[in-house]
N, C-alpha and C. Protein backbone atom coordinates (compact mmCIF):
# COMPACT_ATOMS: atom_id res chain seq x y z
N UNK A 1 -89.62 -81.82 -12.42
CA UNK A 1 -89.30 -82.79 -10.88
C UNK A 1 -88.00 -83.15 -12.02
N UNK A 2 -88.65 -83.75 -13.38
CA UNK A 2 -86.52 -84.91 -13.79
C UNK A 2 -85.88 -83.87 -14.10
N UNK A 3 -85.53 -82.91 -13.10
CA UNK A 3 -84.59 -82.34 -13.97
C UNK A 3 -83.41 -82.78 -11.81
N UNK A 4 -84.69 -82.55 -10.94
CA UNK A 4 -83.99 -82.78 -9.67
C UNK A 4 -83.71 -84.71 -9.82
N UNK A 5 -83.85 -85.13 -10.69
CA UNK A 5 -83.64 -87.00 -10.39
C UNK A 5 -82.88 -86.88 -11.53
N UNK A 6 -81.66 -86.01 -11.81
CA UNK A 6 -80.85 -85.99 -12.72
C UNK A 6 -80.04 -85.23 -12.67
N UNK A 7 -80.30 -84.74 -11.61
CA UNK A 7 -78.65 -83.67 -10.72
C UNK A 7 -78.56 -84.90 -9.59
N UNK A 8 -79.77 -85.29 -8.47
CA UNK A 8 -79.87 -86.37 -7.82
C UNK A 8 -78.31 -87.66 -8.52
N UNK A 9 -78.78 -88.05 -9.22
CA UNK A 9 -78.06 -88.92 -10.37
C UNK A 9 -76.49 -88.63 -10.58
N UNK A 10 -76.44 -87.16 -10.68
CA UNK A 10 -75.25 -86.88 -11.01
C UNK A 10 -74.16 -86.84 -9.73
N UNK A 11 -75.42 -86.67 -8.73
CA UNK A 11 -74.46 -85.90 -7.46
C UNK A 11 -73.87 -87.69 -7.02
N UNK A 12 -74.99 -88.55 -7.06
CA UNK A 12 -74.77 -89.91 -6.26
C UNK A 12 -74.04 -90.35 -7.45
N UNK A 13 -73.17 -90.88 -7.72
CA UNK A 13 -72.74 -90.53 -9.35
C UNK A 13 -70.85 -90.27 -8.10
N UNK A 14 -71.56 -88.85 -8.10
CA UNK A 14 -69.85 -88.63 -7.88
C UNK A 14 -69.33 -89.14 -6.55
N UNK A 15 -70.78 -88.41 -5.71
CA UNK A 15 -70.30 -89.06 -4.09
C UNK A 15 -69.38 -91.24 -3.98
N UNK A 16 -70.06 -91.46 -5.34
CA UNK A 16 -69.72 -92.14 -4.93
C UNK A 16 -68.36 -92.84 -5.80
N UNK A 17 -67.92 -91.68 -6.86
CA UNK A 17 -65.84 -92.57 -7.07
C UNK A 17 -65.87 -91.63 -5.96
N UNK A 18 -65.84 -90.21 -5.12
CA UNK A 18 -65.24 -89.67 -3.90
C UNK A 18 -65.02 -90.91 -3.31
N UNK A 19 -66.25 -92.20 -2.38
CA UNK A 19 -65.94 -92.20 -1.31
C UNK A 19 -65.56 -93.51 -1.49
N UNK A 20 -65.72 -94.35 -3.13
CA UNK A 20 -64.84 -95.74 -2.58
C UNK A 20 -63.16 -94.98 -3.56
N UNK A 21 -63.06 -93.87 -4.35
CA UNK A 21 -61.54 -94.56 -4.11
C UNK A 21 -60.74 -93.00 -4.13
N UNK A 22 -59.58 -93.02 -3.65
CA UNK A 22 -58.67 -92.14 -2.76
C UNK A 22 -58.51 -90.95 -4.08
N UNK A 23 -58.07 -91.55 -4.59
CA UNK A 23 -57.41 -90.47 -5.68
C UNK A 23 -58.60 -89.23 -6.47
N UNK A 24 -59.67 -89.91 -6.55
CA UNK A 24 -60.17 -88.59 -6.89
C UNK A 24 -61.31 -87.64 -5.85
N UNK A 25 -60.55 -88.98 -3.94
CA UNK A 25 -61.11 -87.31 -3.17
C UNK A 25 -60.25 -86.28 -3.14
N UNK A 26 -59.25 -87.05 -3.04
CA UNK A 26 -57.65 -85.69 -3.14
C UNK A 26 -57.96 -85.10 -4.23
N UNK A 27 -58.47 -85.99 -5.30
CA UNK A 27 -58.95 -84.83 -6.44
C UNK A 27 -59.49 -83.84 -6.68
N UNK A 28 -60.87 -84.33 -5.38
CA UNK A 28 -61.94 -83.12 -5.16
C UNK A 28 -62.26 -82.55 -4.37
N UNK A 29 -60.57 -83.11 -2.68
CA UNK A 29 -60.71 -81.44 -2.36
C UNK A 29 -59.43 -80.79 -2.97
N UNK A 30 -58.37 -80.44 -3.49
CA UNK A 30 -57.82 -80.51 -4.47
C UNK A 30 -58.53 -78.58 -5.39
N UNK A 31 -59.57 -79.55 -5.74
CA UNK A 31 -60.38 -79.23 -6.28
C UNK A 31 -61.24 -77.77 -5.59
N UNK A 32 -61.57 -78.38 -4.63
CA UNK A 32 -62.38 -76.96 -4.08
C UNK A 32 -61.20 -75.76 -2.78
N UNK A 33 -60.64 -77.29 -3.03
CA UNK A 33 -59.53 -76.17 -2.52
C UNK A 33 -58.47 -75.03 -2.96
N UNK A 34 -58.37 -75.10 -4.39
CA UNK A 34 -58.65 -74.31 -5.84
C UNK A 34 -59.24 -73.35 -5.71
N UNK A 35 -60.36 -73.97 -6.05
CA UNK A 35 -61.38 -72.83 -6.50
C UNK A 35 -62.05 -72.10 -4.71
N UNK A 36 -61.49 -72.40 -4.45
CA UNK A 36 -61.83 -71.62 -2.86
C UNK A 36 -60.86 -69.88 -2.92
N UNK A 37 -60.01 -70.50 -3.33
CA UNK A 37 -58.94 -69.71 -3.36
C UNK A 37 -59.15 -69.16 -4.62
N UNK A 38 -59.29 -69.01 -5.69
CA UNK A 38 -59.19 -68.67 -7.35
C UNK A 38 -61.28 -67.20 -6.12
N UNK A 39 -62.13 -67.46 -5.54
CA UNK A 39 -62.56 -66.52 -4.75
C UNK A 39 -62.33 -65.32 -4.09
N UNK A 40 -61.03 -66.22 -3.48
CA UNK A 40 -60.90 -65.41 -1.64
C UNK A 40 -60.29 -64.80 -2.86
N UNK A 41 -59.59 -64.35 -4.04
CA UNK A 41 -58.46 -63.60 -4.52
C UNK A 41 -59.46 -62.50 -5.55
N UNK A 42 -60.26 -63.57 -6.32
CA UNK A 42 -61.66 -61.87 -6.71
C UNK A 42 -61.99 -61.00 -5.61
N UNK A 43 -62.43 -62.10 -4.89
CA UNK A 43 -62.20 -61.49 -3.42
C UNK A 43 -62.29 -60.19 -3.18
N UNK A 44 -60.88 -59.84 -2.38
CA UNK A 44 -59.83 -59.42 -2.42
C UNK A 44 -59.84 -58.14 -3.82
N UNK A 45 -59.36 -58.74 -5.59
CA UNK A 45 -59.31 -57.61 -6.00
C UNK A 45 -60.77 -56.52 -6.08
N UNK A 46 -61.43 -56.65 -5.85
CA UNK A 46 -62.86 -56.22 -5.59
C UNK A 46 -62.35 -55.32 -4.40
N UNK A 47 -62.60 -55.48 -3.48
CA UNK A 47 -62.56 -54.48 -2.30
C UNK A 47 -61.11 -54.06 -2.16
N UNK A 48 -59.83 -54.06 -3.36
CA UNK A 48 -58.21 -53.18 -2.84
C UNK A 48 -58.50 -52.93 -4.39
N UNK A 49 -59.31 -52.87 -6.15
CA UNK A 49 -58.23 -52.33 -6.07
C UNK A 49 -59.14 -50.83 -6.97
N UNK A 50 -58.24 -49.64 -6.48
CA UNK A 50 -57.57 -48.92 -6.91
C UNK A 50 -59.76 -48.40 -7.93
N UNK A 51 -59.25 -48.63 -9.28
CA UNK A 51 -59.46 -48.09 -9.76
C UNK A 51 -62.01 -48.73 -9.67
N UNK A 52 -62.05 -49.01 -8.75
CA UNK A 52 -63.96 -49.51 -8.40
C UNK A 52 -63.38 -48.34 -7.39
N UNK A 53 -64.29 -47.35 -7.95
CA UNK A 53 -65.22 -45.64 -6.89
C UNK A 53 -64.85 -45.92 -5.06
N UNK A 54 -65.63 -47.43 -4.53
CA UNK A 54 -65.85 -47.57 -3.40
C UNK A 54 -64.56 -46.92 -2.63
N UNK A 55 -63.84 -47.65 -3.01
CA UNK A 55 -61.90 -48.68 -2.18
C UNK A 55 -61.53 -47.45 -2.97
N UNK A 56 -62.12 -45.74 -3.91
CA UNK A 56 -61.52 -45.02 -4.33
C UNK A 56 -61.88 -43.82 -3.04
N UNK A 57 -63.06 -43.65 -2.80
CA UNK A 57 -62.76 -43.34 -1.85
C UNK A 57 -62.99 -43.26 0.08
N UNK A 58 -62.67 -43.78 -0.28
CA UNK A 58 -62.65 -44.83 0.81
C UNK A 58 -60.84 -44.11 1.60
N UNK A 59 -60.10 -45.26 0.48
CA UNK A 59 -58.61 -44.53 0.13
C UNK A 59 -58.60 -42.90 0.63
N UNK A 60 -59.03 -42.47 -0.20
CA UNK A 60 -59.65 -40.70 0.09
C UNK A 60 -59.65 -39.99 0.72
N UNK A 61 -60.62 -40.57 2.04
CA UNK A 61 -60.99 -40.74 3.41
C UNK A 61 -59.93 -40.85 5.17
N UNK A 62 -59.28 -41.87 3.70
CA UNK A 62 -58.20 -42.79 5.25
C UNK A 62 -55.99 -41.52 4.78
N UNK A 63 -56.92 -40.81 3.67
CA UNK A 63 -55.30 -40.05 3.42
C UNK A 63 -56.29 -38.98 3.70
N UNK A 64 -57.03 -38.09 3.82
CA UNK A 64 -57.60 -37.08 4.84
C UNK A 64 -57.60 -36.93 6.26
N UNK A 65 -57.49 -38.27 6.69
CA UNK A 65 -57.64 -37.99 8.06
C UNK A 65 -56.34 -38.59 8.69
N UNK A 66 -55.08 -39.73 7.76
CA UNK A 66 -54.65 -39.13 8.00
C UNK A 66 -53.29 -37.67 7.61
N UNK A 67 -53.71 -37.24 6.73
CA UNK A 67 -52.81 -35.77 6.57
C UNK A 67 -53.71 -34.16 7.87
N UNK A 68 -54.59 -34.56 8.16
CA UNK A 68 -54.96 -33.35 8.93
C UNK A 68 -54.39 -34.29 10.77
N UNK A 69 -54.14 -35.78 10.50
CA UNK A 69 -53.38 -36.11 12.52
C UNK A 69 -52.47 -35.60 11.75
N UNK A 70 -51.36 -35.56 10.86
CA UNK A 70 -50.33 -35.09 10.02
C UNK A 70 -50.07 -33.38 10.48
N UNK A 71 -50.93 -32.80 9.76
CA UNK A 71 -51.21 -30.81 10.69
C UNK A 71 -50.99 -30.68 12.32
N UNK A 72 -51.84 -31.40 12.13
CA UNK A 72 -52.34 -31.38 14.18
C UNK A 72 -50.67 -31.86 14.94
N UNK A 73 -50.71 -32.90 14.49
CA UNK A 73 -48.97 -32.91 14.93
C UNK A 73 -47.75 -31.61 14.58
N UNK A 74 -47.45 -31.97 13.03
CA UNK A 74 -46.76 -30.66 12.66
C UNK A 74 -46.87 -28.66 13.59
N UNK A 75 -48.13 -28.79 13.62
CA UNK A 75 -48.54 -27.16 13.27
C UNK A 75 -48.88 -26.88 15.95
N UNK A 76 -48.85 -28.11 15.93
CA UNK A 76 -47.98 -28.66 17.84
C UNK A 76 -46.24 -27.95 17.75
N UNK A 77 -46.00 -28.90 17.22
CA UNK A 77 -44.80 -29.27 17.28
C UNK A 77 -44.03 -28.06 16.85
N UNK A 78 -44.36 -27.42 15.88
CA UNK A 78 -43.65 -25.32 15.68
C UNK A 78 -44.17 -24.93 16.55
N UNK A 79 -45.07 -25.25 17.94
CA UNK A 79 -45.24 -24.31 19.41
C UNK A 79 -44.50 -24.11 19.84
């Protein structure tokens, strides 16, 4: 129960400084924006990294679909 009070006190002090000092509020805004961009970059890398087996399978499946479409296109063009 005391850990809740400690966390509450820390957040209360941080909120006090954010509300009263404009530079602290700007720093808080920039730090949260930076954290958001970092999370988005990590998420993009996780979902697009070719070393990931799931992404590798999705790339393979998309490539096979394109190959079938191209094969069908060229077969019809030869006729």
